[in-house]
Amino acid sequence: MTFLSTYFLLAPPDGDGGGAMINLLFLGAIFFVFYFFIIRPQSKRQKDIQKKVSEMKKGDKVVTGGGMIGVVNSIDDDTVLLEIDSGVKARFQKNSITDVNPGKK
């Protein structure tokens, strides 16, 4: 016998539906855990990063998604010019910035 056929043979004969309620509660508990421990903190972190990027100004130290660390030299609509080393500048898109540290050099 397979596991599924054994499982269905062990079902209560009267079919009172008590098992269905427990299954729904268990499913709700799983959703609750996923939302409050995974989805909510991640969306909060994403909003914080977007807020920091929108408030970014010249002289702030930033980290890009590729791990490049630089100081903001100028800001355009969608791009940022970063000074990576003395005399070395590179242009990055704003959405590639993962962290902003205002006022740090």
N, C-alpha and C. Protein backbone atom coordinates (compact mmCIF):
# COMPACT_ATOMS: atom_id res chain seq x y z
N MET A 1 0.83 -1.18 0.00
CA MET A 1 0.00 0.00 0.00
C MET A 1 0.88 1.25 0.00
N THR A 2 0.44 2.25 -0.70
CA THR A 2 1.18 3.50 -0.72
C THR A 2 0.79 4.35 0.48
N PHE A 3 1.55 5.39 0.69
CA PHE A 3 1.31 6.27 1.83
C PHE A 3 -0.05 6.96 1.73
N LEU A 4 -0.42 7.42 0.52
CA LEU A 4 -1.69 8.12 0.36
C LEU A 4 -2.89 7.22 0.63
N SER A 5 -2.84 6.00 0.14
CA SER A 5 -3.98 5.11 0.39
C SER A 5 -4.07 4.78 1.87
N THR A 6 -2.93 4.63 2.54
CA THR A 6 -2.95 4.39 3.98
C THR A 6 -3.52 5.60 4.71
N TYR A 7 -3.14 6.79 4.28
CA TYR A 7 -3.63 8.03 4.90
C TYR A 7 -5.15 8.14 4.79
N PHE A 8 -5.68 7.84 3.62
CA PHE A 8 -7.12 7.95 3.42
C PHE A 8 -7.88 6.85 4.16
N LEU A 9 -7.27 5.70 4.35
CA LEU A 9 -7.91 4.63 5.11
C LEU A 9 -8.00 4.97 6.59
N LEU A 10 -7.09 5.83 7.08
CA LEU A 10 -7.07 6.20 8.48
C LEU A 10 -7.99 7.38 8.81
N ALA A 11 -8.70 7.89 7.83
CA ALA A 11 -9.60 9.03 8.06
C ALA A 11 -10.74 8.60 8.98
N PRO A 12 -11.26 9.52 9.78
CA PRO A 12 -12.37 9.16 10.68
C PRO A 12 -13.62 8.80 9.87
N PRO A 13 -14.33 7.75 10.25
CA PRO A 13 -15.48 7.30 9.46
C PRO A 13 -16.67 8.23 9.50
N ASP A 14 -16.83 9.00 10.57
CA ASP A 14 -18.01 9.86 10.65
C ASP A 14 -17.86 11.15 9.86
N GLY A 15 -16.63 11.58 9.54
CA GLY A 15 -16.41 12.77 8.73
C GLY A 15 -16.89 14.03 9.41
N ASP A 16 -16.53 14.24 10.67
CA ASP A 16 -17.00 15.40 11.41
C ASP A 16 -16.35 16.71 10.97
N GLY A 17 -15.27 16.66 10.20
CA GLY A 17 -14.65 17.88 9.68
C GLY A 17 -13.71 18.55 10.65
N GLY A 18 -13.39 17.95 11.77
CA GLY A 18 -12.47 18.54 12.74
C GLY A 18 -11.06 18.63 12.20
N GLY A 19 -10.70 17.68 11.37
CA GLY A 19 -9.35 17.69 10.78
C GLY A 19 -9.18 18.83 9.80
N ALA A 20 -10.25 19.21 9.12
CA ALA A 20 -10.17 20.30 8.16
C ALA A 20 -9.90 21.62 8.86
N MET A 21 -10.49 21.80 10.03
CA MET A 21 -10.28 23.04 10.78
C MET A 21 -8.84 23.14 11.26
N ILE A 22 -8.28 22.03 11.70
CA ILE A 22 -6.88 22.03 12.15
C ILE A 22 -5.97 22.33 10.97
N ASN A 23 -6.27 21.77 9.81
CA ASN A 23 -5.46 22.05 8.62
C ASN A 23 -5.51 23.52 8.24
N LEU A 24 -6.69 24.13 8.33
CA LEU A 24 -6.82 25.56 8.01
C LEU A 24 -6.04 26.41 9.02
N LEU A 25 -6.12 26.05 10.29
CA LEU A 25 -5.35 26.79 11.31
C LEU A 25 -3.86 26.65 11.08
N PHE A 26 -3.42 25.48 10.72
CA PHE A 26 -2.00 25.25 10.44
C PHE A 26 -1.55 26.06 9.23
N LEU A 27 -2.36 26.09 8.18
CA LEU A 27 -2.05 26.87 6.99
C LEU A 27 -2.00 28.36 7.31
N GLY A 28 -2.94 28.83 8.14
CA GLY A 28 -2.94 30.22 8.56
C GLY A 28 -1.71 30.56 9.39
N ALA A 29 -1.28 29.64 10.26
CA ALA A 29 -0.07 29.86 11.07
C ALA A 29 1.17 29.95 10.19
N ILE A 30 1.25 29.12 9.17
CA ILE A 30 2.39 29.17 8.25
C ILE A 30 2.41 30.51 7.52
N PHE A 31 1.26 30.96 7.04
CA PHE A 31 1.19 32.26 6.36
C PHE A 31 1.60 33.38 7.31
N PHE A 32 1.13 33.34 8.56
CA PHE A 32 1.48 34.34 9.56
C PHE A 32 3.00 34.39 9.78
N VAL A 33 3.63 33.25 9.92
CA VAL A 33 5.08 33.19 10.12
C VAL A 33 5.81 33.75 8.92
N PHE A 34 5.44 33.33 7.72
CA PHE A 34 6.09 33.85 6.52
C PHE A 34 5.94 35.35 6.40
N TYR A 35 4.76 35.87 6.66
CA TYR A 35 4.53 37.30 6.50
C TYR A 35 5.33 38.11 7.51
N PHE A 36 5.23 37.77 8.79
CA PHE A 36 5.85 38.60 9.81
C PHE A 36 7.35 38.37 9.99
N PHE A 37 7.87 37.24 9.55
CA PHE A 37 9.30 36.99 9.73
C PHE A 37 10.10 37.06 8.45
N ILE A 38 9.45 37.04 7.29
CA ILE A 38 10.19 37.07 6.03
C ILE A 38 9.75 38.23 5.14
N ILE A 39 8.47 38.29 4.79
CA ILE A 39 7.99 39.27 3.81
C ILE A 39 8.01 40.68 4.37
N ARG A 40 7.47 40.90 5.55
CA ARG A 40 7.38 42.25 6.12
C ARG A 40 8.74 42.89 6.38
N PRO A 41 9.71 42.19 7.02
CA PRO A 41 11.02 42.83 7.23
C PRO A 41 11.75 43.14 5.92
N GLN A 42 11.60 42.28 4.91
CA GLN A 42 12.26 42.52 3.64
C GLN A 42 11.67 43.74 2.94
N SER A 43 10.35 43.89 2.96
CA SER A 43 9.75 45.05 2.31
C SER A 43 10.08 46.34 3.08
N LYS A 44 10.18 46.25 4.40
CA LYS A 44 10.57 47.42 5.19
C LYS A 44 12.00 47.84 4.87
N ARG A 45 12.89 46.86 4.75
CA ARG A 45 14.29 47.15 4.41
C ARG A 45 14.38 47.78 3.02
N GLN A 46 13.61 47.28 2.07
CA GLN A 46 13.61 47.82 0.70
C GLN A 46 13.13 49.27 0.70
N LYS A 47 12.09 49.58 1.47
CA LYS A 47 11.60 50.96 1.55
C LYS A 47 12.64 51.88 2.18
N ASP A 48 13.35 51.40 3.20
CA ASP A 48 14.40 52.20 3.83
C ASP A 48 15.52 52.52 2.84
N ILE A 49 15.91 51.54 2.04
CA ILE A 49 16.97 51.76 1.03
C ILE A 49 16.50 52.77 -0.01
N GLN A 50 15.24 52.65 -0.47
CA GLN A 50 14.72 53.60 -1.46
C GLN A 50 14.67 55.01 -0.89
N LYS A 51 14.33 55.13 0.38
CA LYS A 51 14.28 56.45 1.02
C LYS A 51 15.69 57.04 1.11
N LYS A 52 16.68 56.22 1.51
CA LYS A 52 18.06 56.70 1.60
C LYS A 52 18.58 57.15 0.24
N VAL A 53 18.27 56.38 -0.81
CA VAL A 53 18.73 56.73 -2.16
C VAL A 53 18.08 58.02 -2.63
N SER A 54 16.81 58.23 -2.32
CA SER A 54 16.14 59.45 -2.75
C SER A 54 16.67 60.68 -1.99
N GLU A 55 17.16 60.48 -0.77
CA GLU A 55 17.70 61.59 0.03
C GLU A 55 19.22 61.74 -0.10
N MET A 56 19.83 60.97 -0.98
CA MET A 56 21.28 60.98 -1.17
C MET A 56 21.75 62.34 -1.69
N LYS A 57 22.92 62.77 -1.24
CA LYS A 57 23.48 64.05 -1.70
C LYS A 57 24.97 63.90 -1.92
N LYS A 58 25.55 64.94 -2.49
CA LYS A 58 26.98 64.92 -2.79
C LYS A 58 27.79 64.76 -1.50
N GLY A 59 28.79 63.87 -1.56
CA GLY A 59 29.65 63.63 -0.41
C GLY A 59 29.28 62.40 0.40
N ASP A 60 28.12 61.80 0.12
CA ASP A 60 27.71 60.59 0.84
C ASP A 60 28.50 59.39 0.33
N LYS A 61 28.81 58.47 1.22
CA LYS A 61 29.49 57.24 0.85
C LYS A 61 28.43 56.20 0.55
N VAL A 62 28.53 55.51 -0.59
CA VAL A 62 27.53 54.54 -1.01
C VAL A 62 28.19 53.21 -1.38
N VAL A 63 27.36 52.17 -1.35
CA VAL A 63 27.78 50.83 -1.77
C VAL A 63 26.83 50.40 -2.88
N THR A 64 27.37 49.89 -3.98
CA THR A 64 26.54 49.43 -5.09
C THR A 64 26.25 47.94 -4.94
N GLY A 65 25.37 47.44 -5.78
CA GLY A 65 25.02 46.03 -5.75
C GLY A 65 26.18 45.12 -6.08
N GLY A 66 27.13 45.61 -6.83
CA GLY A 66 28.31 44.83 -7.18
C GLY A 66 29.41 44.91 -6.14
N GLY A 67 29.18 45.66 -5.06
CA GLY A 67 30.17 45.76 -4.00
C GLY A 67 31.12 46.93 -4.15
N MET A 68 30.89 47.78 -5.14
CA MET A 68 31.74 48.95 -5.35
C MET A 68 31.41 50.02 -4.32
N ILE A 69 32.42 50.54 -3.64
CA ILE A 69 32.24 51.57 -2.62
C ILE A 69 32.80 52.87 -3.18
N GLY A 70 32.03 53.94 -3.05
CA GLY A 70 32.48 55.22 -3.57
C GLY A 70 31.77 56.37 -2.89
N VAL A 71 32.25 57.57 -3.22
CA VAL A 71 31.68 58.80 -2.69
C VAL A 71 30.92 59.49 -3.81
N VAL A 72 29.71 59.96 -3.52
CA VAL A 72 28.88 60.60 -4.53
C VAL A 72 29.52 61.91 -4.96
N ASN A 73 29.71 62.05 -6.29
CA ASN A 73 30.28 63.27 -6.85
C ASN A 73 29.19 64.14 -7.46
N SER A 74 28.27 63.52 -8.20
CA SER A 74 27.13 64.25 -8.75
C SER A 74 25.95 63.29 -8.93
N ILE A 75 24.75 63.88 -8.94
CA ILE A 75 23.53 63.09 -9.04
C ILE A 75 22.70 63.61 -10.21
N ASP A 76 22.30 62.69 -11.10
CA ASP A 76 21.39 63.01 -12.20
C ASP A 76 20.03 62.39 -11.89
N ASP A 77 19.13 62.37 -12.89
CA ASP A 77 17.80 61.81 -12.67
C ASP A 77 17.86 60.33 -12.32
N ASP A 78 18.53 59.53 -13.14
CA ASP A 78 18.58 58.08 -12.94
C ASP A 78 19.97 57.55 -12.61
N THR A 79 20.99 58.40 -12.69
CA THR A 79 22.36 57.93 -12.48
C THR A 79 23.07 58.75 -11.41
N VAL A 80 24.17 58.18 -10.93
CA VAL A 80 25.00 58.82 -9.91
C VAL A 80 26.44 58.67 -10.35
N LEU A 81 27.22 59.74 -10.26
CA LEU A 81 28.65 59.69 -10.56
C LEU A 81 29.38 59.50 -9.23
N LEU A 82 30.09 58.36 -9.11
CA LEU A 82 30.80 58.05 -7.88
C LEU A 82 32.30 58.19 -8.09
N GLU A 83 32.97 58.71 -7.08
CA GLU A 83 34.43 58.73 -7.08
C GLU A 83 34.87 57.51 -6.28
N ILE A 84 35.43 56.53 -7.00
CA ILE A 84 35.80 55.27 -6.39
C ILE A 84 37.16 55.38 -5.70
N ASP A 85 38.08 56.06 -6.33
CA ASP A 85 39.42 56.31 -5.78
C ASP A 85 39.79 57.72 -6.21
N SER A 86 40.87 58.24 -5.72
CA SER A 86 41.24 59.61 -6.10
C SER A 86 41.48 59.67 -7.60
N GLY A 87 40.65 60.46 -8.27
CA GLY A 87 40.76 60.63 -9.71
C GLY A 87 40.03 59.58 -10.53
N VAL A 88 39.46 58.57 -9.92
CA VAL A 88 38.74 57.52 -10.65
C VAL A 88 37.25 57.69 -10.39
N LYS A 89 36.50 57.94 -11.48
CA LYS A 89 35.06 58.15 -11.35
C LYS A 89 34.33 57.16 -12.24
N ALA A 90 33.17 56.74 -11.78
CA ALA A 90 32.33 55.82 -12.56
C ALA A 90 30.87 56.21 -12.35
N ARG A 91 30.08 55.98 -13.39
CA ARG A 91 28.66 56.32 -13.34
C ARG A 91 27.86 55.04 -13.11
N PHE A 92 26.94 55.09 -12.14
CA PHE A 92 26.08 53.96 -11.80
C PHE A 92 24.63 54.40 -11.81
N GLN A 93 23.73 53.44 -12.05
CA GLN A 93 22.31 53.74 -11.95
C GLN A 93 21.92 53.78 -10.48
N LYS A 94 20.94 54.61 -10.16
CA LYS A 94 20.50 54.76 -8.78
C LYS A 94 19.95 53.45 -8.21
N ASN A 95 19.28 52.65 -9.05
CA ASN A 95 18.69 51.43 -8.52
C ASN A 95 19.71 50.35 -8.21
N SER A 96 20.99 50.57 -8.56
CA SER A 96 22.03 49.60 -8.21
C SER A 96 22.67 49.90 -6.86
N ILE A 97 22.28 51.00 -6.22
CA ILE A 97 22.84 51.37 -4.92
C ILE A 97 22.09 50.60 -3.83
N THR A 98 22.87 49.91 -2.98
CA THR A 98 22.27 49.08 -1.93
C THR A 98 22.42 49.67 -0.53
N ASP A 99 23.29 50.65 -0.34
CA ASP A 99 23.45 51.26 0.99
C ASP A 99 23.99 52.66 0.84
N VAL A 100 23.50 53.57 1.68
CA VAL A 100 23.95 54.96 1.69
C VAL A 100 24.35 55.30 3.11
N ASN A 101 25.57 55.83 3.26
CA ASN A 101 26.06 56.29 4.56
C ASN A 101 26.32 57.78 4.46
N PRO A 102 25.37 58.61 4.90
CA PRO A 102 25.52 60.05 4.75
C PRO A 102 26.69 60.61 5.56
N GLY A 103 27.44 61.48 4.93
CA GLY A 103 28.50 62.21 5.60
C GLY A 103 29.76 61.42 5.88
N LYS A 104 29.84 60.13 5.56
CA LYS A 104 31.05 59.34 5.82
C LYS A 104 31.98 59.46 4.63
N LYS A 105 33.27 59.47 4.93
CA LYS A 105 34.27 59.52 3.85
C LYS A 105 35.21 58.36 3.98
